[in-house]
Amino acid sequence: MASKSGLIEIRWHGRGGQGAVTSAELLAKAAIDEGKFAQAFPASVPKDEGRRSLLFDRIDNHSPIRVRAEIREPDVVIVLDHTLLSVVKVTAGLKPKGILIINTSKDFAAIEKDFGSDWKLALVDANTIAREVLGVTIVNTTMLGALLKAVEVVKMDSLIEPIKERFGRIAEKNINAVKRAFAETKVKE
């Protein structure tokens, strides 16, 4: 999925409290641990917009990342909250043949009806996985599992140490959430 230069750009759409900031940071840390160049940063979204969160990751296999601007044409879009699909044009700027990853219980036909089939599509019911594995519907680590199923931006093993560092005593539950989401994510080219 990375471009010829080795750069992949990811945009995360979520709501406050869902862990999008943590997801972006864990991904960047895992990439750096693999010897890649990475950055994770938030967009400035007005506070009165339903506590929406918008974050970005850039990962480059070969070169330091010099650009610091928001990502307008991502390779991958990750939607942590399906209710945003009716509020935000999450596919805005998504590159042709890009990847759209959605936390939803809907099937491919329902999503394609609303968004077309111009992109590789990955669907996972992250809410159910998070509720069953973590006991709460914070979907950050589940969506990392979905991302890795759709595109191997980092290796699964590379996420383990950053998750342990971030979550301490509940790290194992989060690792299990990543792995279960990886197993249950459905991907359609």
Protein backbone atom coordinates (compact mmCIF):
# COMPACT_ATOMS: atom_id res chain seq x y z
CA MET A 1 0.00 0.00 0.00
CA ALA A 2 2.90 2.35 0.60
CA SER A 3 3.70 4.57 -2.34
CA LYS A 4 6.84 4.09 -4.40
CA SER A 5 8.57 6.39 -1.94
CA GLY A 6 7.55 4.07 0.90
CA LEU A 7 5.16 6.59 2.46
CA ILE A 8 1.69 5.66 3.71
CA GLU A 9 -0.71 8.29 5.04
CA ILE A 10 -3.57 7.39 7.38
CA ARG A 11 -6.52 9.48 8.58
CA TRP A 12 -8.48 8.47 11.69
CA HIS A 13 -12.09 9.63 12.29
CA GLY A 14 -13.53 9.17 15.76
CA ARG A 15 -15.15 10.83 18.72
CA GLY A 16 -13.54 11.91 21.96
CA GLY A 17 -13.04 9.03 24.37
CA GLN A 18 -12.79 6.29 21.74
CA GLY A 19 -9.01 6.21 21.83
CA ALA A 20 -8.14 7.53 18.37
CA VAL A 21 -5.23 9.54 19.81
CA THR A 22 -3.86 6.42 21.47
CA SER A 23 -4.31 4.36 18.28
CA ALA A 24 -2.38 6.86 16.18
CA GLU A 25 0.40 7.08 18.76
CA LEU A 26 0.69 3.28 19.19
CA LEU A 27 0.90 2.82 15.43
CA ALA A 28 3.64 5.44 15.08
CA LYS A 29 5.59 3.94 18.00
CA ALA A 30 5.38 0.45 16.47
CA ALA A 31 6.61 1.80 13.12
CA ILE A 32 9.53 3.59 14.77
CA ASP A 33 10.41 0.41 16.67
CA GLU A 34 10.62 -1.32 13.26
CA GLY A 35 13.15 1.28 12.11
CA LYS A 36 10.66 3.23 10.01
CA PHE A 37 10.02 6.96 10.16
CA ALA A 38 6.65 7.94 11.60
CA GLN A 39 4.55 10.75 12.96
CA ALA A 40 1.14 10.87 14.64
CA PHE A 41 -0.72 14.11 15.23
CA PRO A 42 -4.24 15.50 15.71
CA ALA A 43 -6.12 17.95 13.53
CA SER A 44 -7.63 21.02 15.01
CA VAL A 45 -11.37 20.29 15.15
CA PRO A 46 -13.60 22.90 16.81
CA LYS A 47 -14.78 21.82 20.27
CA ASP A 48 -18.45 22.35 19.39
CA GLU A 49 -18.51 19.71 16.66
CA GLY A 50 -19.80 16.76 18.67
CA ARG A 51 -16.43 15.99 20.21
CA ARG A 52 -15.20 14.64 16.89
CA SER A 53 -11.57 13.68 16.69
CA LEU A 54 -9.44 13.66 13.58
CA LEU A 55 -5.92 12.25 13.68
CA PHE A 56 -3.22 11.39 11.23
CA ASP A 57 -0.33 8.97 10.87
CA ARG A 58 2.46 9.14 8.34
CA ILE A 59 4.80 6.18 8.06
CA ASP A 60 7.72 5.99 5.68
CA ASN A 61 9.84 2.89 5.19
CA HIS A 62 12.88 4.77 3.86
CA SER A 63 13.05 8.50 4.52
CA PRO A 64 12.52 11.02 7.30
CA ILE A 65 9.14 12.75 7.08
CA ARG A 66 9.51 16.47 6.51
CA VAL A 67 5.90 17.51 5.89
CA ARG A 68 3.83 18.47 8.94
CA ALA A 69 0.52 19.39 7.27
CA GLU A 70 -2.78 17.58 7.75
CA ILE A 71 -3.34 14.68 5.38
CA ARG A 72 -5.83 15.67 2.69
CA GLU A 73 -5.38 12.63 0.38
CA PRO A 74 -4.90 9.61 2.62
CA ASP A 75 -4.06 6.09 1.53
CA VAL A 76 -6.15 4.73 4.41
CA VAL A 77 -9.19 6.11 6.26
CA ILE A 78 -10.20 4.51 9.56
CA VAL A 79 -13.64 5.23 11.05
CA LEU A 80 -13.92 4.37 14.74
CA ASP A 81 -17.54 5.50 15.10
CA HIS A 82 -20.07 4.45 12.45
CA THR A 83 -22.36 7.36 13.39
CA LEU A 84 -19.82 9.68 11.79
CA LEU A 85 -20.65 8.18 8.39
CA SER A 86 -23.79 10.32 8.21
CA VAL A 87 -22.08 13.45 9.59
CA VAL A 88 -18.66 13.60 7.94
CA LYS A 89 -17.59 12.81 4.39
CA VAL A 90 -15.00 10.30 5.59
CA THR A 91 -13.98 9.36 2.05
CA ALA A 92 -13.06 12.95 1.12
CA GLY A 93 -9.68 12.84 -0.59
CA LEU A 94 -9.25 9.08 -0.15
CA LYS A 95 -6.91 8.01 -2.93
CA PRO A 96 -8.23 5.77 -5.69
CA LYS A 97 -7.52 2.19 -4.62
CA GLY A 98 -7.19 3.44 -1.05
CA ILE A 99 -8.51 1.56 1.95
CA LEU A 100 -11.63 2.41 3.95
CA ILE A 101 -11.81 0.67 7.36
CA ILE A 102 -15.07 1.02 9.28
CA ASN A 103 -16.25 -0.05 12.73
CA THR A 104 -19.71 -1.32 11.82
CA SER A 105 -22.02 -4.29 12.12
CA LYS A 106 -23.26 -3.64 8.55
CA ASP A 107 -22.26 -5.83 5.62
CA PHE A 108 -20.40 -4.86 2.44
CA ALA A 109 -23.59 -4.34 0.41
CA ALA A 110 -24.98 -1.79 2.89
CA ILE A 111 -21.70 0.16 3.07
CA GLU A 112 -21.16 0.07 -0.70
CA LYS A 113 -24.71 1.38 -1.21
CA ASP A 114 -23.73 4.53 0.68
CA PHE A 115 -20.05 4.86 -0.31
CA GLY A 116 -19.61 3.01 -3.58
CA SER A 117 -16.92 0.45 -4.25
CA ASP A 118 -14.05 2.64 -5.35
CA TRP A 119 -11.87 1.53 -2.45
CA LYS A 120 -10.67 -1.59 -0.73
CA LEU A 121 -13.13 -2.01 2.13
CA ALA A 122 -12.50 -3.53 5.57
CA LEU A 123 -15.32 -3.95 8.08
CA VAL A 124 -15.21 -5.01 11.71
CA ASP A 125 -17.71 -4.90 14.55
CA ALA A 126 -15.17 -3.27 16.87
CA ASN A 127 -17.85 -2.23 19.38
CA THR A 128 -18.81 -5.84 20.09
CA ILE A 129 -15.19 -6.99 20.28
CA ALA A 130 -14.23 -4.16 22.65
CA ARG A 131 -17.28 -4.74 24.85
CA GLU A 132 -16.63 -8.50 25.06
CA VAL A 133 -12.82 -8.37 25.45
CA LEU A 134 -12.26 -5.08 27.28
CA GLY A 135 -15.59 -4.59 29.01
CA VAL A 136 -16.00 -1.12 27.45
CA THR A 137 -16.65 0.17 23.94
CA ILE A 138 -13.31 1.92 23.55
CA VAL A 139 -12.34 0.65 20.11
CA ASN A 140 -8.81 1.97 19.66
CA THR A 141 -6.93 -1.33 19.86
CA THR A 142 -9.62 -3.23 17.97
CA MET A 143 -9.29 -0.80 15.07
CA LEU A 144 -5.52 -1.34 15.04
CA GLY A 145 -6.23 -5.03 14.48
CA ALA A 146 -8.57 -4.15 11.61
CA LEU A 147 -5.92 -1.88 10.09
CA LEU A 148 -3.31 -4.64 10.16
CA LYS A 149 -5.75 -7.07 8.52
CA ALA A 150 -6.38 -4.58 5.69
CA VAL A 151 -2.74 -3.54 5.19
CA GLU A 152 0.42 -4.62 6.98
CA VAL A 153 1.66 -1.14 7.79
CA VAL A 154 3.52 -2.64 10.77
CA LYS A 155 3.89 -6.20 12.00
CA MET A 156 1.50 -7.44 14.67
CA ASP A 157 4.42 -8.26 16.98
CA SER A 158 5.63 -4.66 16.74
CA LEU A 159 2.45 -3.43 18.43
CA ILE A 160 2.87 -5.64 21.49
CA GLU A 161 5.54 -3.63 23.33
CA PRO A 162 3.89 -0.22 22.76
CA ILE A 163 0.59 -1.68 24.00
CA LYS A 164 2.29 -3.09 27.10
CA GLU A 165 3.95 0.27 27.80
CA ARG A 166 0.70 2.20 27.31
CA PHE A 167 -1.77 -0.09 29.06
CA GLY A 168 0.24 -1.79 31.82
CA ARG A 169 -1.96 -4.19 33.76
CA ILE A 170 -4.70 -4.24 31.08
CA ALA A 171 -2.27 -4.66 28.20
CA GLU A 172 -3.11 -8.34 27.68
CA LYS A 173 -6.80 -7.53 27.17
CA ASN A 174 -5.87 -4.91 24.57
CA ILE A 175 -3.50 -7.31 22.81
CA ASN A 176 -6.35 -9.83 22.70
CA ALA A 177 -8.65 -7.16 21.25
CA VAL A 178 -6.12 -6.42 18.49
CA LYS A 179 -5.78 -10.10 17.64
CA ARG A 180 -9.51 -10.79 17.69
CA ALA A 181 -10.24 -7.79 15.48
CA PHE A 182 -7.53 -8.96 13.08
CA ALA A 183 -9.21 -12.37 12.90
CA GLU A 184 -12.75 -11.00 12.49
CA THR A 185 -12.17 -8.13 10.08
CA LYS A 186 -13.66 -8.79 6.66
CA VAL A 187 -11.77 -7.31 3.71
CA LYS A 188 -13.09 -6.82 0.18
CA GLU A 189 -10.84 -5.63 -2.63
